[in-house]
Amino acid sequence: MAPAEVEEDTGIHCRLDDLLAARGLTLTRLSELVGVSVVNLSILKNDRARAIRFSTLRAICRALECEVGDLLVVEP
């Protein structure tokens, strides 16, 4: 039996919820704009993502009119 997988705390926090609220957008609408599933965006929004493609990151930033540093922040 394999040991239980422990999620690594990277200290990187996704501010997607805050940015969506500030722009009056829903996760569903963002999904339509960037071509990424609601499920995958939800994983990112809830800080459960282990990786993100640069193309996805760029599409999200373009749709939200923000910079990468507005979306992803390093927390101590």
Protein backbone atom coordinates (compact mmCIF):
# COMPACT_ATOMS: atom_id res chain seq x y z
CA MET A 1 0.00 0.00 0.00
CA ALA A 2 1.39 3.41 -0.98
CA PRO A 3 1.72 6.07 1.72
CA ALA A 4 -0.87 8.83 1.67
CA GLU A 5 0.17 11.70 -0.54
CA VAL A 6 0.87 14.85 1.43
CA GLU A 7 0.06 18.14 -0.29
CA GLU A 8 3.04 20.45 -0.35
CA ASP A 9 2.39 23.96 0.92
CA THR A 10 4.15 26.08 -1.69
CA GLY A 11 3.30 29.38 -0.02
CA ILE A 12 1.83 30.59 -3.31
CA HIS A 13 -1.71 31.93 -3.05
CA CYS A 14 -4.03 32.52 -5.98
CA ARG A 15 -6.11 35.69 -5.71
CA LEU A 16 -8.57 34.65 -8.41
CA ASP A 17 -11.60 35.06 -6.12
CA ASP A 18 -10.64 38.64 -5.26
CA LEU A 19 -9.96 39.57 -8.89
CA LEU A 20 -13.25 38.06 -10.09
CA ALA A 21 -15.20 39.93 -7.41
CA ALA A 22 -13.47 43.21 -8.22
CA ARG A 23 -14.41 42.81 -11.89
CA GLY A 24 -17.93 41.50 -11.34
CA LEU A 25 -17.15 38.22 -13.12
CA THR A 26 -18.10 34.67 -12.26
CA LEU A 27 -15.88 31.63 -12.57
CA THR A 28 -18.23 30.39 -15.29
CA ARG A 29 -17.81 33.57 -17.32
CA LEU A 30 -14.02 33.47 -16.90
CA SER A 31 -14.10 29.87 -18.08
CA GLU A 32 -15.88 30.96 -21.24
CA LEU A 33 -13.42 33.80 -21.83
CA VAL A 34 -10.24 31.76 -21.40
CA GLY A 35 -11.32 28.31 -22.62
CA VAL A 36 -10.44 26.54 -19.38
CA SER A 37 -12.94 24.34 -17.55
CA VAL A 38 -14.70 25.65 -14.46
CA VAL A 39 -13.32 22.65 -12.57
CA ASN A 40 -9.71 23.54 -13.43
CA LEU A 41 -10.26 27.20 -12.59
CA SER A 42 -11.83 26.16 -9.29
CA ILE A 43 -8.75 24.07 -8.46
CA LEU A 44 -6.59 27.12 -9.14
CA LYS A 45 -8.90 29.44 -7.18
CA ASN A 46 -8.85 27.16 -4.14
CA ASP A 47 -5.04 26.91 -4.07
CA ARG A 48 -5.07 23.22 -4.96
CA ALA A 49 -3.27 23.55 -8.30
CA ARG A 50 0.22 22.07 -8.54
CA ALA A 51 1.05 23.72 -11.86
CA ILE A 52 -0.34 26.12 -14.41
CA ARG A 53 0.51 26.44 -18.08
CA PHE A 54 1.93 29.79 -19.12
CA SER A 55 -0.70 29.96 -21.87
CA THR A 56 -3.45 29.56 -19.26
CA LEU A 57 -1.85 32.12 -17.00
CA ARG A 58 -1.59 34.57 -19.88
CA ALA A 59 -5.23 33.99 -20.89
CA ILE A 60 -6.46 34.56 -17.33
CA CYS A 61 -4.38 37.72 -16.95
CA ARG A 62 -5.61 39.02 -20.31
CA ALA A 63 -9.26 38.35 -19.40
CA LEU A 64 -8.90 39.96 -15.97
CA GLU A 65 -6.66 42.77 -17.23
CA CYS A 66 -4.08 42.05 -14.57
CA GLU A 67 -0.46 41.05 -14.16
CA VAL A 68 0.76 37.66 -12.98
CA GLY A 69 1.75 39.23 -9.65
CA ASP A 70 -1.83 40.39 -9.15
CA LEU A 71 -3.07 36.82 -9.56
CA LEU A 72 -0.36 34.81 -7.79
CA VAL A 73 1.29 36.02 -4.60
CA VAL A 74 3.89 34.45 -2.32
CA GLU A 75 2.84 34.31 1.31
CA PRO A 76 5.28 33.80 4.18
